Each structure stands twice: as structure tokens, then as C-alpha cells.
């Protein structure tokens, strides 16, 4: 019986030593280096004017969906407010829906009819601080994809809307400061 108590005491001592060493050294050999609880968005910015995104594609209308989705995501996911007057804005966000296309992912075995396709959206975006003239984002490109299936009653427009909404999410993520 005495042996078990000693073994238990040694085990508790080893465990408490490990906990102490881990806590005192942080997360690994470098401690908490590289981690921060600082703000992820540029400081000094409170308002954003979003210009209507342009399109370089022959399929029209998706640039409106993109602009609307970006505005809604900025309002919902960032501390910024969208303003309708550029003179009252701290920054301006502009861009272009460079391309929106489709590719076939899978076809029926014997007929070759597409079963599943993918819509691709390519967006180029810029973000300028109007007070300092600094480019916060300088013509960065982002891609987004969405699959759709004609067997499920989905068409290219459905896939394109999903891809454009995913592209809007990526544009808003570009507004975060890099780590």
C-alpha cells in the first residue's frame, strides 16, 4: 500500500512540474511569439465608400451581386460603416469582376451530358485610404469557386451567385491586416 502512495506522489510531482514548465515557457520554445491580441483591421478607419464593381465579362449583372454582397459583409463582419457619399468616407474600395466562367467537373458516363459543373469568379480589388493616400490593398486578385448540378435543378446563374458571394467574403478578408 505504501508503494502505491509513493508512486502516486511521484506521478503528481511530475505532472505538476510539466504544467509549471509549460505555463512558464508559453507555447513552445519561443513562448507566445508571433501571437497577438491586437486589432485585425487597419486603425484610423471607420467608414468605407464602396464603388460599383466593374466587370470584364460578357455576362452582366454579377457585378451588382458582388458589390451588394461586399457591402453587406463589410457591415456585418467588420467594424466599418458603409457610406454613400465619398466625401464623408475614410477609405474607398473599388474593383473589377475580371472573369466569371464555368467548367465541367463530371459528365454522364455514356451520353457525355454534364452532371456537375463549377462556376469560377475572379475579382481584382483595391482599397485606398482617402486621408493619407495610402493603398491598403493594391490590385490584389482573389478567386472563388462553386459547384452546381443540373440534376439538382441548378444552373450557371446559381453557381455564379454562390461563387460571387464567396469572392465577396474573400475581398472582406483581404481588408484584414496581415499577421
N, C-alpha and C. Protein backbone atom coordinates (compact mmCIF):
# COMPACT_ATOMS: atom_id res chain seq x y z
N UNK A 1 0.81 -1.19 0.00
CA UNK A 1 0.00 0.00 0.00
C UNK A 1 0.86 1.25 0.00
N UNK A 2 1.94 1.25 0.79
CA UNK A 2 2.81 2.40 0.86
C UNK A 2 3.46 2.70 -0.49
N UNK A 3 3.79 1.67 -1.23
CA UNK A 3 4.43 1.82 -2.54
C UNK A 3 3.52 2.57 -3.51
N UNK A 4 2.22 2.28 -3.47
CA UNK A 4 1.27 2.93 -4.36
C UNK A 4 1.16 4.42 -4.05
N UNK A 5 1.19 4.78 -2.76
CA UNK A 5 1.12 6.20 -2.40
C UNK A 5 2.36 6.94 -2.90
N UNK A 6 3.50 6.34 -2.77
CA UNK A 6 4.74 6.97 -3.23
C UNK A 6 4.71 7.14 -4.74
N UNK A 7 4.26 6.12 -5.43
CA UNK A 7 4.14 6.19 -6.89
C UNK A 7 3.19 7.29 -7.31
N UNK A 8 2.09 7.41 -6.58
CA UNK A 8 1.12 8.45 -6.88
C UNK A 8 1.71 9.83 -6.61
N UNK A 9 2.46 9.98 -5.52
CA UNK A 9 3.11 11.26 -5.21
C UNK A 9 4.11 11.65 -6.28
N UNK A 10 4.88 10.69 -6.74
CA UNK A 10 5.86 10.95 -7.81
C UNK A 10 5.15 11.36 -9.08
N UNK A 11 4.07 10.66 -9.41
CA UNK A 11 3.30 10.99 -10.61
C UNK A 11 2.73 12.41 -10.51
N UNK A 12 2.17 12.76 -9.35
CA UNK A 12 1.64 14.12 -9.17
C UNK A 12 2.74 15.17 -9.26
N UNK A 13 3.92 14.88 -8.70
CA UNK A 13 5.03 15.82 -8.78
C UNK A 13 5.48 16.03 -10.23
N UNK A 14 5.58 14.94 -11.00
CA UNK A 14 5.99 15.03 -12.41
C UNK A 14 4.95 15.82 -13.20
N UNK A 15 3.67 15.53 -12.99
CA UNK A 15 2.61 16.24 -13.72
C UNK A 15 2.62 17.73 -13.39
N UNK A 16 2.75 18.07 -12.11
CA UNK A 16 2.76 19.50 -11.75
C UNK A 16 4.00 20.19 -12.30
N UNK A 17 5.12 19.49 -12.37
CA UNK A 17 6.33 20.08 -12.95
C UNK A 17 6.14 20.35 -14.43
N UNK A 18 5.51 19.41 -15.14
CA UNK A 18 5.25 19.61 -16.57
C UNK A 18 4.32 20.79 -16.80
N UNK A 19 3.26 20.89 -15.99
CA UNK A 19 2.33 22.02 -16.12
C UNK A 19 3.06 23.33 -15.86
N UNK A 20 3.88 23.38 -14.81
CA UNK A 20 4.62 24.59 -14.50
C UNK A 20 5.56 24.98 -15.65
N UNK A 21 6.27 24.01 -16.18
CA UNK A 21 7.21 24.31 -17.28
C UNK A 21 6.48 24.80 -18.51
N UNK A 22 5.35 24.18 -18.82
CA UNK A 22 4.57 24.59 -19.99
C UNK A 22 4.03 26.00 -19.82
N UNK A 23 3.47 26.29 -18.65
CA UNK A 23 2.89 27.62 -18.40
C UNK A 23 3.97 28.69 -18.38
N UNK A 24 5.09 28.40 -17.76
CA UNK A 24 6.13 29.42 -17.64
C UNK A 24 6.84 29.70 -18.96
N UNK A 25 6.86 28.73 -19.87
CA UNK A 25 7.57 28.96 -21.13
C UNK A 25 6.64 29.36 -22.26
N UNK A 26 5.34 29.42 -22.03
CA UNK A 26 4.42 29.80 -23.08
C UNK A 26 4.11 28.63 -23.98
N UNK A 27 3.92 28.88 -25.25
CA UNK A 27 3.56 27.84 -26.21
C UNK A 27 4.78 27.40 -26.99
N UNK A 28 5.59 26.58 -26.41
CA UNK A 28 6.77 26.07 -27.10
C UNK A 28 8.00 26.85 -26.77
N UNK A 29 9.08 26.61 -27.52
CA UNK A 29 10.36 27.23 -27.20
C UNK A 29 10.37 28.75 -27.33
N UNK A 30 9.53 29.31 -28.20
CA UNK A 30 9.52 30.76 -28.40
C UNK A 30 8.50 31.47 -27.55
N UNK A 31 7.82 30.76 -26.67
CA UNK A 31 6.78 31.38 -25.86
C UNK A 31 5.59 31.75 -26.72
N UNK A 32 5.04 32.92 -26.53
CA UNK A 32 3.88 33.38 -27.28
C UNK A 32 4.29 34.24 -28.48
N UNK A 33 5.48 34.11 -28.92
CA UNK A 33 6.00 34.90 -30.03
C UNK A 33 5.16 34.64 -31.29
N UNK A 34 4.78 35.70 -31.97
CA UNK A 34 4.02 35.57 -33.21
C UNK A 34 2.52 35.68 -33.00
N UNK A 35 2.06 35.65 -31.75
CA UNK A 35 0.65 35.78 -31.45
C UNK A 35 0.39 37.16 -30.89
N UNK A 36 -0.81 37.67 -31.18
CA UNK A 36 -1.15 38.99 -30.71
C UNK A 36 -2.64 39.08 -30.49
N UNK A 37 -3.05 39.94 -29.59
CA UNK A 37 -4.47 40.20 -29.42
C UNK A 37 -4.79 41.60 -29.93
N UNK A 38 -3.97 42.08 -30.85
CA UNK A 38 -4.15 43.40 -31.44
C UNK A 38 -5.30 43.36 -32.45
N UNK A 39 -5.79 44.52 -32.83
CA UNK A 39 -6.88 44.69 -33.77
C UNK A 39 -6.47 44.16 -35.14
N UNK A 40 -7.37 43.41 -35.84
CA UNK A 40 -7.02 42.81 -37.12
C UNK A 40 -7.31 43.73 -38.30
N UNK A 41 -7.92 44.88 -38.04
CA UNK A 41 -8.24 45.81 -39.11
C UNK A 41 -7.38 47.07 -38.97
N UNK A 42 -7.10 47.75 -40.07
CA UNK A 42 -6.30 48.97 -40.00
C UNK A 42 -6.93 50.00 -39.06
N UNK A 43 -6.08 50.60 -38.24
CA UNK A 43 -6.55 51.60 -37.28
C UNK A 43 -6.81 52.93 -37.99
N UNK A 44 -7.69 53.71 -37.45
CA UNK A 44 -7.97 55.03 -38.00
C UNK A 44 -8.99 55.01 -39.13
N UNK A 45 -9.55 53.85 -39.43
CA UNK A 45 -10.55 53.75 -40.48
C UNK A 45 -11.89 53.42 -39.84
N UNK A 46 -12.91 54.21 -40.15
CA UNK A 46 -14.24 53.92 -39.61
C UNK A 46 -15.29 53.80 -40.71
N UNK A 47 -15.05 54.47 -41.85
CA UNK A 47 -16.06 54.44 -42.92
C UNK A 47 -15.43 54.02 -44.25
N UNK A 48 -16.25 53.34 -45.06
CA UNK A 48 -15.81 52.85 -46.37
C UNK A 48 -16.85 53.23 -47.41
N UNK A 49 -16.39 53.78 -48.50
CA UNK A 49 -17.23 54.02 -49.66
C UNK A 49 -16.91 52.91 -50.66
N UNK A 50 -17.91 52.14 -51.05
CA UNK A 50 -17.70 51.04 -51.99
C UNK A 50 -18.21 51.47 -53.35
N UNK A 51 -17.28 51.58 -54.30
CA UNK A 51 -17.67 51.90 -55.67
C UNK A 51 -18.31 50.68 -56.31
N UNK A 52 -19.19 50.92 -57.27
CA UNK A 52 -19.78 49.81 -58.01
C UNK A 52 -18.67 49.07 -58.74
N UNK A 53 -18.58 47.77 -58.51
CA UNK A 53 -17.55 46.98 -59.17
C UNK A 53 -17.87 46.88 -60.65
N UNK A 54 -16.84 46.91 -61.45
CA UNK A 54 -16.95 46.81 -62.90
C UNK A 54 -16.86 45.34 -63.28
N UNK A 55 -17.14 45.03 -64.52
CA UNK A 55 -16.98 43.67 -64.99
C UNK A 55 -16.25 43.66 -66.33
N UNK A 56 -15.46 42.65 -66.52
CA UNK A 56 -14.75 42.47 -67.78
C UNK A 56 -15.33 41.30 -68.54
N UNK A 57 -16.47 40.80 -68.10
CA UNK A 57 -17.06 39.61 -68.68
C UNK A 57 -18.30 39.99 -69.47
N UNK A 58 -18.65 39.14 -70.44
CA UNK A 58 -19.84 39.43 -71.23
C UNK A 58 -21.13 39.10 -70.48
N UNK A 59 -21.02 38.34 -69.42
CA UNK A 59 -22.19 38.03 -68.60
C UNK A 59 -22.40 39.19 -67.63
N UNK A 60 -23.47 39.91 -67.80
CA UNK A 60 -23.73 41.10 -66.99
C UNK A 60 -24.62 40.78 -65.80
N UNK A 61 -24.55 41.62 -64.80
CA UNK A 61 -25.41 41.51 -63.63
C UNK A 61 -24.71 40.97 -62.40
N UNK A 62 -23.67 40.17 -62.60
CA UNK A 62 -22.97 39.59 -61.46
C UNK A 62 -22.16 40.63 -60.69
N UNK A 63 -21.78 41.73 -61.32
CA UNK A 63 -21.05 42.78 -60.62
C UNK A 63 -21.93 43.47 -59.59
N UNK A 64 -23.25 43.53 -59.85
CA UNK A 64 -24.18 44.10 -58.87
C UNK A 64 -24.29 43.19 -57.65
N UNK A 65 -24.37 41.89 -57.90
CA UNK A 65 -24.44 40.91 -56.81
C UNK A 65 -23.17 41.00 -55.96
N UNK A 66 -22.01 41.12 -56.63
CA UNK A 66 -20.74 41.22 -55.93
C UNK A 66 -20.67 42.47 -55.06
N UNK A 67 -21.01 43.61 -55.62
CA UNK A 67 -20.96 44.88 -54.86
C UNK A 67 -21.89 44.83 -53.67
N UNK A 68 -23.09 44.33 -53.86
CA UNK A 68 -24.06 44.22 -52.77
C UNK A 68 -23.56 43.27 -51.68
N UNK A 69 -23.01 42.14 -52.08
CA UNK A 69 -22.51 41.16 -51.11
C UNK A 69 -21.34 41.72 -50.31
N UNK A 70 -20.45 42.46 -50.98
CA UNK A 70 -19.31 43.07 -50.27
C UNK A 70 -19.81 44.08 -49.24
N UNK A 71 -20.76 44.93 -49.62
CA UNK A 71 -21.29 45.92 -48.69
C UNK A 71 -21.93 45.25 -47.48
N UNK A 72 -22.71 44.22 -47.70
CA UNK A 72 -23.37 43.53 -46.59
C UNK A 72 -22.35 42.86 -45.68
N UNK A 73 -21.32 42.27 -46.25
CA UNK A 73 -20.31 41.59 -45.44
C UNK A 73 -19.45 42.58 -44.65
N UNK A 74 -19.15 43.73 -45.25
CA UNK A 74 -18.39 44.76 -44.52
C UNK A 74 -19.19 45.21 -43.30
N UNK A 75 -20.47 45.48 -43.49
CA UNK A 75 -21.32 45.92 -42.38
C UNK A 75 -21.44 44.85 -41.31
N UNK A 76 -21.54 43.59 -41.71
CA UNK A 76 -21.79 42.51 -40.75
C UNK A 76 -20.52 41.99 -40.08
N UNK A 77 -19.38 42.01 -40.77
CA UNK A 77 -18.20 41.31 -40.27
C UNK A 77 -17.04 42.21 -39.89
N UNK A 78 -17.14 43.49 -40.14
CA UNK A 78 -16.05 44.39 -39.81
C UNK A 78 -16.59 45.53 -38.93
N UNK A 79 -15.70 46.33 -38.35
CA UNK A 79 -16.18 47.46 -37.55
C UNK A 79 -16.53 48.68 -38.41
N UNK A 80 -16.41 48.57 -39.73
CA UNK A 80 -16.60 49.70 -40.62
C UNK A 80 -18.06 49.92 -40.96
N UNK A 81 -18.36 51.16 -41.29
CA UNK A 81 -19.68 51.54 -41.76
C UNK A 81 -19.57 51.92 -43.23
N UNK A 82 -20.55 51.51 -44.01
CA UNK A 82 -20.62 51.87 -45.43
C UNK A 82 -21.29 53.23 -45.52
N UNK A 83 -20.68 54.14 -46.28
CA UNK A 83 -21.28 55.45 -46.52
C UNK A 83 -21.55 55.61 -48.00
N UNK A 84 -22.58 56.39 -48.32
CA UNK A 84 -22.97 56.56 -49.72
C UNK A 84 -22.35 57.80 -50.36
N UNK A 85 -21.64 58.59 -49.57
CA UNK A 85 -21.00 59.81 -50.07
C UNK A 85 -19.49 59.67 -49.89
N UNK A 86 -18.75 59.70 -51.00
CA UNK A 86 -17.30 59.52 -50.95
C UNK A 86 -16.62 60.63 -50.14
N UNK A 87 -17.21 61.82 -50.10
CA UNK A 87 -16.62 62.93 -49.36
C UNK A 87 -16.64 62.70 -47.84
N UNK A 88 -17.52 61.82 -47.36
CA UNK A 88 -17.60 61.53 -45.93
C UNK A 88 -16.84 60.25 -45.56
N UNK A 89 -16.22 59.59 -46.53
CA UNK A 89 -15.57 58.31 -46.28
C UNK A 89 -14.09 58.47 -45.94
N UNK A 90 -13.61 57.56 -45.07
CA UNK A 90 -12.18 57.49 -44.77
C UNK A 90 -11.44 56.76 -45.88
N UNK A 91 -12.11 55.76 -46.45
CA UNK A 91 -11.48 54.91 -47.48
C UNK A 91 -12.45 54.65 -48.61
N UNK A 92 -11.89 54.21 -49.74
CA UNK A 92 -12.72 53.81 -50.88
C UNK A 92 -12.25 52.43 -51.34
N UNK A 93 -13.23 51.54 -51.56
CA UNK A 93 -12.97 50.19 -52.04
C UNK A 93 -13.50 50.10 -53.45
N UNK A 94 -12.66 49.67 -54.36
CA UNK A 94 -13.07 49.55 -55.76
C UNK A 94 -12.52 48.26 -56.34
N UNK A 95 -13.07 47.86 -57.46
CA UNK A 95 -12.56 46.64 -58.07
C UNK A 95 -13.28 46.27 -59.33
N UNK A 96 -12.96 45.06 -59.76
CA UNK A 96 -13.47 44.57 -61.03
C UNK A 96 -13.69 43.07 -60.94
N UNK A 97 -14.84 42.64 -61.40
CA UNK A 97 -15.10 41.22 -61.57
C UNK A 97 -14.45 40.87 -62.90
N UNK A 98 -13.21 40.43 -62.82
CA UNK A 98 -12.40 40.23 -64.02
C UNK A 98 -12.98 39.16 -64.93
N UNK A 99 -13.40 38.06 -64.35
CA UNK A 99 -13.95 36.97 -65.15
C UNK A 99 -14.89 36.13 -64.32
N UNK A 100 -15.90 35.62 -64.98
CA UNK A 100 -16.77 34.63 -64.37
C UNK A 100 -17.01 33.57 -65.43
N UNK A 101 -16.63 32.35 -65.11
CA UNK A 101 -16.66 31.29 -66.12
C UNK A 101 -17.18 30.00 -65.51
N UNK A 102 -17.32 29.02 -66.37
CA UNK A 102 -17.82 27.72 -65.95
C UNK A 102 -16.95 26.62 -66.52
N UNK A 103 -16.82 25.55 -65.77
CA UNK A 103 -16.10 24.37 -66.27
C UNK A 103 -16.85 23.13 -65.82
N UNK A 104 -16.74 22.07 -66.62
CA UNK A 104 -17.44 20.82 -66.33
C UNK A 104 -16.57 19.98 -65.40
N UNK A 105 -17.18 19.48 -64.34
CA UNK A 105 -16.48 18.63 -63.38
C UNK A 105 -16.75 17.15 -63.64
N UNK A 106 -18.00 16.82 -64.01
CA UNK A 106 -18.36 15.41 -64.23
C UNK A 106 -19.45 15.32 -65.29
N UNK A 107 -19.39 14.26 -66.08
CA UNK A 107 -20.39 14.03 -67.12
C UNK A 107 -21.01 12.64 -66.92
N UNK A 108 -22.18 12.46 -67.55
CA UNK A 108 -22.78 11.13 -67.54
C UNK A 108 -21.89 10.19 -68.32
N UNK A 109 -21.85 8.98 -67.89
CA UNK A 109 -20.91 8.01 -68.43
C UNK A 109 -21.07 7.78 -69.93
N UNK A 110 -22.29 7.60 -70.42
CA UNK A 110 -22.47 7.21 -71.83
C UNK A 110 -22.88 8.37 -72.73
N UNK A 111 -23.63 9.32 -72.18
CA UNK A 111 -24.12 10.41 -73.04
C UNK A 111 -23.18 11.60 -73.07
N UNK A 112 -22.34 11.75 -72.06
CA UNK A 112 -21.42 12.90 -72.02
C UNK A 112 -22.08 14.19 -71.58
N UNK A 113 -23.33 14.11 -71.12
CA UNK A 113 -24.04 15.29 -70.64
C UNK A 113 -23.44 15.71 -69.28
N UNK A 114 -23.15 17.00 -69.10
CA UNK A 114 -22.59 17.45 -67.82
C UNK A 114 -23.54 17.17 -66.66
N UNK A 115 -23.01 16.58 -65.60
CA UNK A 115 -23.77 16.30 -64.40
C UNK A 115 -23.44 17.33 -63.32
N UNK A 116 -22.17 17.66 -63.22
CA UNK A 116 -21.73 18.64 -62.24
C UNK A 116 -20.76 19.61 -62.90
N UNK A 117 -20.97 20.88 -62.65
CA UNK A 117 -20.12 21.92 -63.21
C UNK A 117 -19.65 22.83 -62.09
N UNK A 118 -18.75 23.73 -62.44
CA UNK A 118 -18.20 24.65 -61.45
C UNK A 118 -18.17 26.06 -62.02
N UNK A 119 -18.66 27.01 -61.24
CA UNK A 119 -18.58 28.43 -61.61
C UNK A 119 -17.35 29.02 -60.94
N UNK A 120 -16.60 29.81 -61.68
CA UNK A 120 -15.37 30.42 -61.19
C UNK A 120 -15.51 31.94 -61.27
N UNK A 121 -15.15 32.63 -60.19
CA UNK A 121 -15.18 34.09 -60.17
C UNK A 121 -13.79 34.61 -59.83
N UNK A 122 -13.30 35.53 -60.64
CA UNK A 122 -12.00 36.16 -60.41
C UNK A 122 -12.25 37.65 -60.18
N UNK A 123 -11.78 38.15 -59.03
CA UNK A 123 -12.03 39.54 -58.65
C UNK A 123 -10.69 40.23 -58.38
N UNK A 124 -10.54 41.45 -58.89
CA UNK A 124 -9.39 42.30 -58.59
C UNK A 124 -9.91 43.47 -57.75
N UNK A 125 -9.22 43.76 -56.65
CA UNK A 125 -9.72 44.77 -55.71
C UNK A 125 -8.60 45.71 -55.26
N UNK A 126 -8.99 46.97 -55.02
CA UNK A 126 -8.09 47.98 -54.45
C UNK A 126 -8.83 48.69 -53.33
N UNK A 127 -8.06 49.11 -52.32
CA UNK A 127 -8.63 49.82 -51.17
C UNK A 127 -7.69 50.95 -50.81
N UNK A 128 -8.19 52.17 -50.88
CA UNK A 128 -7.35 53.35 -50.67
C UNK A 128 -7.84 54.17 -49.48
N UNK A 129 -6.88 54.57 -48.64
CA UNK A 129 -7.16 55.48 -47.54
C UNK A 129 -7.19 56.88 -48.11
N UNK A 130 -8.34 57.54 -48.07
CA UNK A 130 -8.50 58.86 -48.68
C UNK A 130 -7.83 59.97 -47.87
N UNK A 131 -7.56 59.74 -46.60
CA UNK A 131 -6.93 60.76 -45.76
C UNK A 131 -5.42 60.79 -45.94
N UNK A 132 -4.82 59.62 -46.10
CA UNK A 132 -3.36 59.56 -46.22
C UNK A 132 -2.89 59.29 -47.65
N UNK A 133 -3.78 58.81 -48.51
CA UNK A 133 -3.40 58.45 -49.87
C UNK A 133 -2.78 57.07 -49.97
N UNK A 134 -2.66 56.36 -48.84
CA UNK A 134 -2.04 55.04 -48.82
C UNK A 134 -2.96 54.00 -49.44
N UNK A 135 -2.38 53.11 -50.26
CA UNK A 135 -3.12 51.98 -50.80
C UNK A 135 -3.05 50.84 -49.80
N UNK A 136 -4.19 50.51 -49.21
CA UNK A 136 -4.25 49.43 -48.24
C UNK A 136 -4.28 48.07 -48.94
N UNK A 137 -4.93 48.03 -50.10
CA UNK A 137 -4.92 46.86 -50.99
C UNK A 137 -4.65 47.40 -52.39
N UNK A 138 -3.66 46.83 -53.06
CA UNK A 138 -3.27 47.34 -54.37
C UNK A 138 -3.46 46.29 -55.45
N UNK A 139 -4.60 46.34 -56.13
CA UNK A 139 -4.92 45.44 -57.24
C UNK A 139 -4.65 43.97 -56.93
N UNK A 140 -5.12 43.51 -55.79
CA UNK A 140 -4.96 42.09 -55.43
C UNK A 140 -6.09 41.29 -56.05
N UNK A 141 -5.74 40.08 -56.49
CA UNK A 141 -6.72 39.19 -57.09
C UNK A 141 -7.13 38.12 -56.10
N UNK A 142 -8.38 37.74 -56.18
CA UNK A 142 -8.88 36.62 -55.39
C UNK A 142 -9.81 35.78 -56.26
N UNK A 143 -9.79 34.49 -56.03
CA UNK A 143 -10.61 33.54 -56.80
C UNK A 143 -11.62 32.89 -55.88
N UNK A 144 -12.76 32.54 -56.43
CA UNK A 144 -13.75 31.78 -55.68
C UNK A 144 -14.45 30.82 -56.65
N UNK A 145 -14.83 29.67 -56.13
CA UNK A 145 -15.43 28.62 -56.94
C UNK A 145 -16.69 28.11 -56.26
N UNK A 146 -17.62 27.60 -57.06
CA UNK A 146 -18.83 26.97 -56.52
C UNK A 146 -19.32 25.94 -57.52
N UNK A 147 -19.63 24.77 -57.04
CA UNK A 147 -20.14 23.73 -57.94
C UNK A 147 -21.66 23.80 -57.99
N UNK A 148 -22.20 23.33 -59.10
CA UNK A 148 -23.65 23.27 -59.28
C UNK A 148 -23.97 22.08 -60.17
N UNK A 149 -25.20 21.59 -60.04
CA UNK A 149 -25.59 20.39 -60.76
C UNK A 149 -26.94 20.61 -61.44
N UNK A 150 -26.98 20.32 -62.72
CA UNK A 150 -28.24 20.43 -63.45
C UNK A 150 -29.24 19.37 -62.99
N UNK A 151 -28.74 18.25 -62.50
CA UNK A 151 -29.64 17.21 -61.99
C UNK A 151 -30.36 17.65 -60.73
N UNK A 152 -29.83 18.62 -60.03
CA UNK A 152 -30.48 19.17 -58.84
C UNK A 152 -31.29 20.42 -59.16
N UNK A 153 -31.41 20.73 -60.44
CA UNK A 153 -32.17 21.91 -60.85
C UNK A 153 -31.39 23.20 -60.75
N UNK A 154 -30.09 23.11 -60.63
CA UNK A 154 -29.25 24.29 -60.51
C UNK A 154 -28.66 24.62 -61.88
N UNK A 155 -28.51 25.91 -62.15
CA UNK A 155 -27.92 26.33 -63.42
C UNK A 155 -26.69 27.19 -63.17
N UNK A 156 -26.13 27.72 -64.25
CA UNK A 156 -24.92 28.54 -64.12
C UNK A 156 -25.15 29.75 -63.24
N UNK A 157 -26.31 30.40 -63.37
CA UNK A 157 -26.57 31.59 -62.56
C UNK A 157 -26.54 31.28 -61.07
N UNK A 158 -27.06 30.11 -60.68
CA UNK A 158 -27.00 29.71 -59.28
C UNK A 158 -25.54 29.56 -58.84
N UNK A 159 -24.75 28.82 -59.61
CA UNK A 159 -23.34 28.62 -59.28
C UNK A 159 -22.57 29.93 -59.25
N UNK A 160 -22.88 30.82 -60.21
CA UNK A 160 -22.19 32.11 -60.28
C UNK A 160 -22.50 32.97 -59.05
N UNK A 161 -23.76 32.96 -58.60
CA UNK A 161 -24.11 33.74 -57.41
C UNK A 161 -23.38 33.22 -56.17
N UNK A 162 -23.29 31.91 -56.05
CA UNK A 162 -22.57 31.34 -54.91
C UNK A 162 -21.09 31.70 -54.99
N UNK A 163 -20.50 31.57 -56.18
CA UNK A 163 -19.08 31.91 -56.36
C UNK A 163 -18.82 33.38 -56.09
N UNK A 164 -19.70 34.25 -56.55
CA UNK A 164 -19.55 35.69 -56.34
C UNK A 164 -19.66 36.02 -54.85
N UNK A 165 -20.57 35.37 -54.13
CA UNK A 165 -20.68 35.59 -52.69
C UNK A 165 -19.44 35.12 -51.96
N UNK A 166 -18.86 34.02 -52.40
CA UNK A 166 -17.61 33.56 -51.79
C UNK A 166 -16.47 34.52 -52.11
N UNK A 167 -16.48 35.09 -53.30
CA UNK A 167 -15.47 36.09 -53.65
C UNK A 167 -15.63 37.33 -52.77
N UNK A 168 -16.86 37.72 -52.49
CA UNK A 168 -17.11 38.86 -51.60
C UNK A 168 -16.53 38.59 -50.22
N UNK A 169 -16.68 37.37 -49.73
CA UNK A 169 -16.10 37.01 -48.43
C UNK A 169 -14.59 37.15 -48.46
N UNK A 170 -13.98 36.72 -49.55
CA UNK A 170 -12.52 36.81 -49.65
C UNK A 170 -12.05 38.26 -49.76
N UNK A 171 -12.82 39.11 -50.42
CA UNK A 171 -12.49 40.53 -50.51
C UNK A 171 -12.48 41.14 -49.11
N UNK A 172 -13.48 40.83 -48.31
CA UNK A 172 -13.56 41.36 -46.95
C UNK A 172 -12.40 40.81 -46.11
N UNK A 173 -12.03 39.57 -46.33
CA UNK A 173 -10.87 39.01 -45.61
C UNK A 173 -9.57 39.72 -46.00
N UNK A 174 -9.48 40.21 -47.24
CA UNK A 174 -8.30 40.97 -47.65
C UNK A 174 -8.19 42.29 -46.90
N UNK A 175 -9.30 42.78 -46.36
CA UNK A 175 -9.29 44.05 -45.63
C UNK A 175 -8.65 43.91 -44.25
N UNK A 176 -8.42 42.68 -43.81
CA UNK A 176 -7.74 42.47 -42.53
C UNK A 176 -6.26 42.72 -42.71
N UNK A 177 -5.62 43.19 -41.63
CA UNK A 177 -4.17 43.38 -41.69
C UNK A 177 -3.48 42.03 -41.68
N UNK A 178 -2.36 41.94 -42.36
CA UNK A 178 -1.63 40.68 -42.38
C UNK A 178 -0.94 40.47 -41.04
N UNK A 179 -0.77 39.21 -40.66
CA UNK A 179 -0.16 38.87 -39.38
C UNK A 179 1.29 39.00 -39.55
